[in-house]
Amino acid sequence: MHLSNIGTDFEKALQRVKSVRNVSPKHQLKLYAFFKQATVGPCKADKPSNFDVVNLAKWNAWSSLGTMNSDEAKRNYIEFVKSLVCEPLSNDANLLNDNVVCENSTSQAEAVPEKEEYSSSRKVLLEDKGRIFRIQLNRPEKKNALTHEMYRDIIDGLKAAEKSEAFITVLEGKGDYFCSGNDLNNLLVKPSDTAKMAADAKLLLRDFVGTFIDHPKVLVAAVNGPAVGISVTILGLFDLVFASDNATFHTPFTSLGQSPEGCSSFTFPLLMGNTKAFEMLLFNRKITAQEAKRRNIVTEVFQQDTFKEQVNKRIEQLSALPPQ
């Protein structure tokens, strides 16, 4: 591309991108970063708090471009927009990098799936399938440990389910764990402003738990394996909890210097009585799926080898009931 054409093609790209629909959050961040680098220059803004998920993602995307100059950023923006719309923005035959994937091509690995599945990150998958809306934790290599981004994704998923035609919302985990609780790497980053980080964390957790409390659809948890921490404590907010017989439930708060969350200090005594609740929340007792059923955390236990099939069958039966 000739340098004299960059400015013109950049303006065309800014207009052309407005016609592109359903741009993924990942691609939106890429466009944002190239635009800021092209128009402002290298990122010099202060890094947002780890709990300010959206602005932190923008900051990371922009900062990742380093000292890339304005013309190079404009060229990258033009090329990326072209890859999204799959049509030329200028007469330059070399404008589009051959390695760029066109989103409209069904032959590519990231083609749109046949079922409606979408996500604000690939760590949490959302599926809207008629009367059933699924939210799947998709970080099996980390036992589905929750990052700050995943908290926000789950909130967004619950809100999307609320607006959908679904009657039932299902939370499930991929892999051998349901969820191993918070990713402790969240706590290893030393913030520049501890007070702000604590305030942001408070708001995020309140929003997270509040979204479960206020959710108007039937909430079902499919606990396919071990559950730890907040993935256990929020179960008291669900309408139904199905568990695999290999699942365990562990809330090791005092051993980590943490306090119970997810309304568990209220819901657990109601479900199982004070002494049994204290055994879990204060004294770190890990319980089996059968014990969890006896303590009224779990509705029904299925064998591990048929868990998915049995749960899907039960959910399909429930979804056939009148919604009102």
Protein backbone atom coordinates (compact mmCIF):
# COMPACT_ATOMS: atom_id res chain seq x y z
CA MET A 1 0.00 0.00 0.00
CA HIS A 2 1.39 3.41 -0.91
CA LEU A 3 1.76 5.75 2.04
CA SER A 4 -0.26 8.41 0.21
CA ASN A 5 -3.27 6.07 0.20
CA ILE A 6 -3.18 5.14 3.88
CA GLY A 7 -5.14 8.15 5.11
CA THR A 8 -7.87 7.74 2.50
CA ASP A 9 -8.15 3.99 2.98
CA PHE A 10 -8.23 4.43 6.75
CA GLU A 11 -11.20 6.79 6.47
CA LYS A 12 -12.93 4.28 4.17
CA ALA A 13 -12.30 1.52 6.69
CA LEU A 14 -13.80 3.62 9.49
CA GLN A 15 -16.99 3.95 7.46
CA ARG A 16 -17.01 0.37 6.16
CA VAL A 17 -16.70 -1.21 9.60
CA LYS A 18 -20.05 0.33 10.59
CA SER A 19 -21.77 -2.08 8.22
CA VAL A 20 -20.24 -5.18 9.81
CA ARG A 21 -22.64 -7.00 12.12
CA ASN A 22 -21.97 -9.31 15.07
CA VAL A 23 -18.31 -8.42 15.51
CA SER A 24 -17.01 -10.55 18.37
CA PRO A 25 -15.68 -8.82 21.50
CA LYS A 26 -12.22 -10.17 20.67
CA HIS A 27 -12.29 -8.50 17.26
CA GLN A 28 -13.78 -5.32 18.70
CA LEU A 29 -10.79 -5.08 21.02
CA LYS A 30 -8.44 -5.51 18.08
CA LEU A 31 -10.18 -2.76 16.14
CA TYR A 32 -10.12 -0.52 19.20
CA ALA A 33 -6.40 -1.06 19.72
CA PHE A 34 -5.44 -0.32 16.11
CA PHE A 35 -7.69 2.77 16.07
CA LYS A 36 -6.22 4.21 19.28
CA GLN A 37 -2.67 3.48 18.12
CA ALA A 38 -3.37 5.11 14.76
CA THR A 39 -5.04 8.23 16.12
CA VAL A 40 -3.45 8.74 19.56
CA GLY A 41 -0.21 6.79 19.48
CA PRO A 42 1.24 4.29 21.98
CA CYS A 43 -0.78 3.72 25.14
CA LYS A 44 0.35 5.91 28.03
CA ALA A 45 -2.78 5.60 30.17
CA ASP A 46 -2.65 4.15 33.67
CA LYS A 47 -3.54 0.47 33.88
CA PRO A 48 -7.12 -0.01 35.16
CA SER A 49 -7.91 -2.17 38.17
CA ASN A 50 -8.06 -5.93 37.62
CA PHE A 51 -11.74 -5.76 38.54
CA ASP A 52 -12.50 -3.15 35.87
CA VAL A 53 -12.71 -5.94 33.32
CA VAL A 54 -13.84 -4.00 30.25
CA ASN A 55 -11.38 -1.12 30.51
CA LEU A 56 -8.58 -3.50 31.48
CA ALA A 57 -9.21 -5.54 28.33
CA LYS A 58 -9.08 -2.36 26.23
CA TRP A 59 -5.89 -1.23 27.95
CA ASN A 60 -4.21 -4.60 27.41
CA ALA A 61 -5.18 -4.65 23.72
CA TRP A 62 -3.86 -1.15 23.12
CA SER A 63 -0.70 -1.61 25.20
CA SER A 64 0.13 -4.83 23.35
CA LEU A 65 0.88 -2.77 20.21
CA GLY A 66 3.89 -1.20 21.92
CA THR A 67 5.59 1.48 19.82
CA MET A 68 3.87 0.65 16.53
CA ASN A 69 3.75 3.87 14.48
CA SER A 70 0.56 5.51 13.25
CA ASP A 71 0.86 4.43 9.60
CA GLU A 72 1.46 0.81 10.54
CA ALA A 73 -1.52 0.88 12.90
CA LYS A 74 -3.72 2.35 10.16
CA ARG A 75 -2.57 -0.34 7.74
CA ASN A 76 -3.37 -3.05 10.27
CA TYR A 77 -6.79 -1.50 10.90
CA ILE A 78 -7.53 -1.42 7.16
CA GLU A 79 -6.42 -5.01 6.66
CA PHE A 80 -8.42 -6.24 9.62
CA VAL A 81 -11.60 -4.48 8.51
CA LYS A 82 -11.15 -5.98 5.08
CA SER A 83 -10.89 -9.44 6.62
CA LEU A 84 -14.21 -8.83 8.39
CA VAL A 85 -16.16 -7.57 5.38
CA CYS A 86 -14.35 -9.76 2.83
CA GLU A 87 -14.26 -7.09 0.14
CA PRO A 88 -11.56 -4.62 -0.94
CA LEU A 89 -11.21 -1.13 0.49
CA SER A 90 -8.64 0.00 -2.08
CA ASN A 91 -7.00 -1.13 -5.30
CA ASP A 92 -3.94 -2.46 -3.51
CA ALA A 93 -3.73 -6.17 -4.34
CA ASN A 94 -1.54 -6.81 -1.32
CA LEU A 95 -3.86 -5.13 1.16
CA LEU A 96 -5.15 -8.32 2.74
CA ASN A 97 -2.69 -10.61 4.43
CA ASP A 98 -3.22 -14.14 3.15
CA ASN A 99 -3.21 -15.46 6.70
CA VAL A 100 -6.20 -13.37 7.84
CA VAL A 101 -9.35 -15.44 8.36
CA CYS A 102 -12.60 -14.15 6.87
CA GLU A 103 -15.40 -14.54 9.42
CA ASN A 104 -17.96 -15.26 6.72
CA SER A 105 -16.10 -18.33 5.47
CA THR A 106 -17.66 -21.53 6.75
CA SER A 107 -14.55 -23.48 5.86
CA GLN A 108 -12.49 -21.85 8.59
CA ALA A 109 -11.97 -23.15 12.10
CA GLU A 110 -13.74 -20.15 13.62
CA ALA A 111 -16.82 -20.34 11.41
CA VAL A 112 -20.18 -19.60 13.03
CA PRO A 113 -21.56 -22.85 14.49
CA GLU A 114 -24.90 -24.25 13.40
CA LYS A 115 -26.40 -23.84 16.86
CA GLU A 116 -26.51 -20.38 18.39
CA GLU A 117 -23.42 -20.37 20.56
CA TYR A 118 -21.66 -17.19 21.51
CA SER A 119 -19.53 -15.76 24.24
CA SER A 120 -17.72 -12.66 25.37
CA SER A 121 -14.73 -14.93 25.88
CA ARG A 122 -13.98 -18.54 25.04
CA LYS A 123 -13.66 -19.27 28.77
CA VAL A 124 -17.44 -19.08 29.14
CA LEU A 125 -19.68 -20.44 26.38
CA LEU A 126 -23.33 -19.49 25.97
CA GLU A 127 -25.89 -21.51 24.04
CA ASP A 128 -29.44 -20.38 23.39
CA LYS A 129 -31.37 -23.41 22.24
CA GLY A 130 -35.09 -22.83 22.35
CA ARG A 131 -36.42 -23.31 25.87
CA ILE A 132 -32.99 -24.13 27.34
CA PHE A 133 -30.16 -21.63 27.78
CA ARG A 134 -26.76 -23.07 28.72
CA ILE A 135 -23.81 -21.33 30.35
CA GLN A 136 -20.70 -23.52 30.25
CA LEU A 137 -17.46 -22.87 32.09
CA ASN A 138 -14.86 -23.64 29.43
CA ARG A 139 -11.47 -23.61 31.11
CA PRO A 140 -10.87 -27.32 31.73
CA GLU A 141 -7.08 -26.99 31.70
CA LYS A 142 -7.43 -24.85 34.86
CA LYS A 143 -10.29 -26.91 36.33
CA ASN A 144 -12.65 -24.07 35.35
CA ALA A 145 -11.09 -21.69 37.89
CA LEU A 146 -12.82 -18.32 37.68
CA THR A 147 -11.01 -15.23 36.45
CA HIS A 148 -12.42 -11.72 36.80
CA GLU A 149 -13.32 -11.82 33.12
CA MET A 150 -15.30 -15.03 33.65
CA TYR A 151 -17.29 -13.45 36.46
CA ARG A 152 -18.40 -10.74 34.07
CA ASP A 153 -19.09 -13.28 31.32
CA ILE A 154 -21.37 -15.29 33.61
CA ILE A 155 -23.24 -12.12 34.58
CA ASP A 156 -23.67 -11.28 30.89
CA GLY A 157 -24.79 -14.86 30.21
CA LEU A 158 -27.48 -14.73 32.88
CA LYS A 159 -28.73 -11.42 31.52
CA ALA A 160 -28.79 -12.85 28.00
CA ALA A 161 -30.75 -15.85 29.27
CA GLU A 162 -33.21 -13.51 30.96
CA LYS A 163 -33.92 -11.78 27.64
CA SER A 164 -34.16 -15.04 25.69
CA GLU A 165 -37.19 -17.25 25.11
CA ALA A 166 -35.64 -19.93 27.30
CA PHE A 167 -37.54 -21.37 30.24
CA ILE A 168 -34.53 -22.96 31.94
CA THR A 169 -30.99 -21.65 32.48
CA VAL A 170 -28.29 -24.28 33.02
CA LEU A 171 -24.82 -23.71 34.48
CA GLU A 172 -22.34 -26.49 33.75
CA GLY A 173 -18.61 -27.15 33.60
CA LYS A 174 -16.47 -28.64 30.84
CA GLY A 175 -13.92 -31.31 31.70
CA ASP A 176 -13.52 -33.26 34.91
CA TYR A 177 -14.30 -30.35 37.27
CA PHE A 178 -17.44 -28.29 37.68
CA CYS A 179 -15.37 -25.38 38.99
CA SER A 180 -12.31 -25.10 41.24
CA GLY A 181 -13.36 -21.71 42.59
CA ASN A 182 -11.46 -18.48 42.17
CA ASP A 183 -8.24 -18.49 40.19
CA LEU A 184 -5.78 -17.57 42.92
CA ASN A 185 -3.66 -15.76 40.34
CA ASN A 186 -6.30 -13.03 40.68
CA LEU A 187 -4.81 -12.32 44.10
CA LEU A 188 -1.15 -12.37 43.08
CA VAL A 189 -1.25 -9.10 41.16
CA LYS A 190 -0.17 -6.25 43.44
CA PRO A 191 -2.52 -3.33 42.75
CA SER A 192 -1.32 0.25 42.68
CA ASP A 193 -4.46 1.26 44.58
CA THR A 194 -5.53 -1.39 47.10
CA ALA A 195 -8.60 0.53 48.21
CA LYS A 196 -9.87 0.86 44.63
CA MET A 197 -9.22 -2.82 43.96
CA ALA A 198 -11.21 -3.79 47.06
CA ALA A 199 -14.07 -1.50 46.07
CA ASP A 200 -14.12 -2.88 42.53
CA ALA A 201 -14.09 -6.45 43.86
CA LYS A 202 -17.01 -5.67 46.14
CA LEU A 203 -19.06 -4.31 43.26
CA LEU A 204 -18.20 -7.22 40.97
CA LEU A 205 -19.12 -9.85 43.57
CA ARG A 206 -22.32 -8.03 44.51
CA ASP A 207 -23.31 -7.83 40.84
CA PHE A 208 -22.42 -11.50 40.31
CA VAL A 209 -24.43 -12.84 43.25
CA GLY A 210 -27.26 -10.36 42.69
CA THR A 211 -27.71 -11.55 39.12
CA PHE A 212 -28.29 -15.10 40.37
CA ILE A 213 -30.73 -13.87 43.02
CA ASP A 214 -32.74 -11.80 40.54
CA HIS A 215 -32.71 -14.31 37.68
CA PRO A 216 -36.33 -14.94 36.65
CA LYS A 217 -35.84 -18.28 34.88
CA VAL A 218 -35.49 -21.74 36.42
CA LEU A 219 -31.83 -22.07 37.46
CA VAL A 220 -30.27 -25.51 37.15
CA ALA A 221 -26.70 -26.47 38.05
CA ALA A 222 -25.18 -29.55 36.42
CA VAL A 223 -22.27 -30.36 38.74
CA ASN A 224 -20.21 -32.76 36.64
CA GLY A 225 -17.27 -33.05 39.04
CA PRO A 226 -15.59 -31.44 42.05
CA ALA A 227 -16.79 -27.97 43.03
CA VAL A 228 -14.82 -25.57 45.22
CA GLY A 229 -15.46 -22.21 46.84
CA ILE A 230 -17.95 -19.86 45.24
CA SER A 231 -19.11 -22.55 42.80
CA VAL A 232 -20.43 -24.36 45.89
CA THR A 233 -21.76 -21.41 47.85
CA ILE A 234 -23.97 -20.11 45.03
CA LEU A 235 -25.74 -23.47 44.75
CA GLY A 236 -28.13 -22.38 47.48
CA LEU A 237 -29.48 -19.84 44.97
CA PHE A 238 -30.38 -22.48 42.36
CA ASP A 239 -33.77 -24.11 41.88
CA LEU A 240 -32.32 -27.53 41.01
CA VAL A 241 -28.84 -29.01 41.40
CA PHE A 242 -27.91 -32.25 39.63
CA ALA A 243 -24.59 -33.83 40.58
CA SER A 244 -22.37 -36.61 39.29
CA ASP A 245 -21.58 -39.29 41.87
CA ASN A 246 -17.89 -38.34 41.62
CA ALA A 247 -18.59 -34.71 42.54
CA THR A 248 -17.32 -33.26 45.80
CA PHE A 249 -18.21 -29.97 47.48
CA HIS A 250 -15.54 -28.02 49.33
CA THR A 251 -15.52 -24.53 50.85
CA PRO A 252 -12.01 -24.08 52.33
CA PHE A 253 -12.49 -20.48 53.39
CA THR A 254 -10.84 -20.37 56.80
CA SER A 255 -7.80 -22.28 55.54
CA LEU A 256 -7.35 -19.53 52.91
CA GLY A 257 -8.16 -16.64 55.21
CA GLN A 258 -11.38 -15.90 53.32
CA SER A 259 -15.01 -15.51 54.37
CA PRO A 260 -18.03 -17.34 52.90
CA GLU A 261 -19.70 -15.67 49.92
CA GLY A 262 -22.64 -16.30 47.63
CA CYS A 263 -25.16 -15.83 50.47
CA SER A 264 -24.03 -19.19 51.88
CA SER A 265 -23.91 -17.92 55.47
CA PHE A 266 -27.67 -17.44 55.04
CA THR A 267 -28.70 -20.24 52.66
CA PHE A 268 -26.62 -23.12 54.04
CA PRO A 269 -28.05 -23.00 57.59
CA LEU A 270 -31.54 -22.90 56.05
CA LEU A 271 -30.79 -25.93 53.88
CA MET A 272 -28.89 -28.14 56.32
CA GLY A 273 -29.00 -26.59 59.77
CA ASN A 274 -26.43 -24.54 61.64
CA THR A 275 -24.05 -27.29 62.74
CA LYS A 276 -23.74 -28.89 59.30
CA ALA A 277 -23.35 -25.48 57.67
CA PHE A 278 -20.61 -24.49 60.12
CA GLU A 279 -18.85 -27.78 59.42
CA MET A 280 -18.54 -26.79 55.77
CA LEU A 281 -18.16 -23.02 55.92
CA LEU A 282 -16.00 -22.66 59.02
CA PHE A 283 -14.21 -25.98 59.34
CA ASN A 284 -13.54 -26.79 55.66
CA ARG A 285 -15.36 -30.14 55.55
CA LYS A 286 -15.40 -31.59 52.03
CA ILE A 287 -18.53 -33.61 51.30
CA THR A 288 -19.53 -36.11 48.62
CA ALA A 289 -22.44 -35.79 46.20
CA GLN A 290 -24.56 -38.14 48.31
CA GLU A 291 -23.79 -36.12 51.43
CA ALA A 292 -24.66 -32.95 49.56
CA LYS A 293 -28.00 -34.49 48.64
CA ARG A 294 -28.68 -35.38 52.27
CA ARG A 295 -27.82 -31.79 53.21
CA ASN A 296 -30.27 -30.45 50.60
CA ILE A 297 -27.64 -28.80 48.41
CA VAL A 298 -28.15 -31.37 45.64
CA THR A 299 -31.49 -32.41 44.17
CA GLU A 300 -30.44 -35.66 42.51
CA VAL A 301 -27.25 -37.67 41.95
CA PHE A 302 -26.47 -39.54 38.72
CA GLN A 303 -23.71 -41.99 37.86
CA GLN A 304 -20.62 -40.38 36.35
CA ASP A 305 -20.63 -42.43 33.13
CA THR A 306 -24.23 -41.45 32.26
CA PHE A 307 -24.35 -38.06 33.96
CA LYS A 308 -24.57 -35.88 30.87
CA GLU A 309 -27.24 -38.02 29.22
CA GLN A 310 -29.33 -38.25 32.40
CA VAL A 311 -29.14 -34.54 33.11
CA ASN A 312 -30.00 -33.60 29.52
CA LYS A 313 -32.97 -35.95 29.63
CA ARG A 314 -34.21 -34.44 32.88
CA ILE A 315 -33.75 -30.88 31.62
CA GLU A 316 -35.62 -31.69 28.41
CA GLN A 317 -38.49 -33.06 30.50
CA LEU A 318 -38.55 -29.92 32.62
CA SER A 319 -38.43 -27.63 29.60
CA ALA A 320 -41.59 -29.26 28.25
CA LEU A 321 -43.58 -28.04 31.26
CA PRO A 322 -45.72 -24.89 30.95
CA PRO A 323 -43.50 -21.87 31.72
CA GLN A 324 -46.25 -20.24 33.79
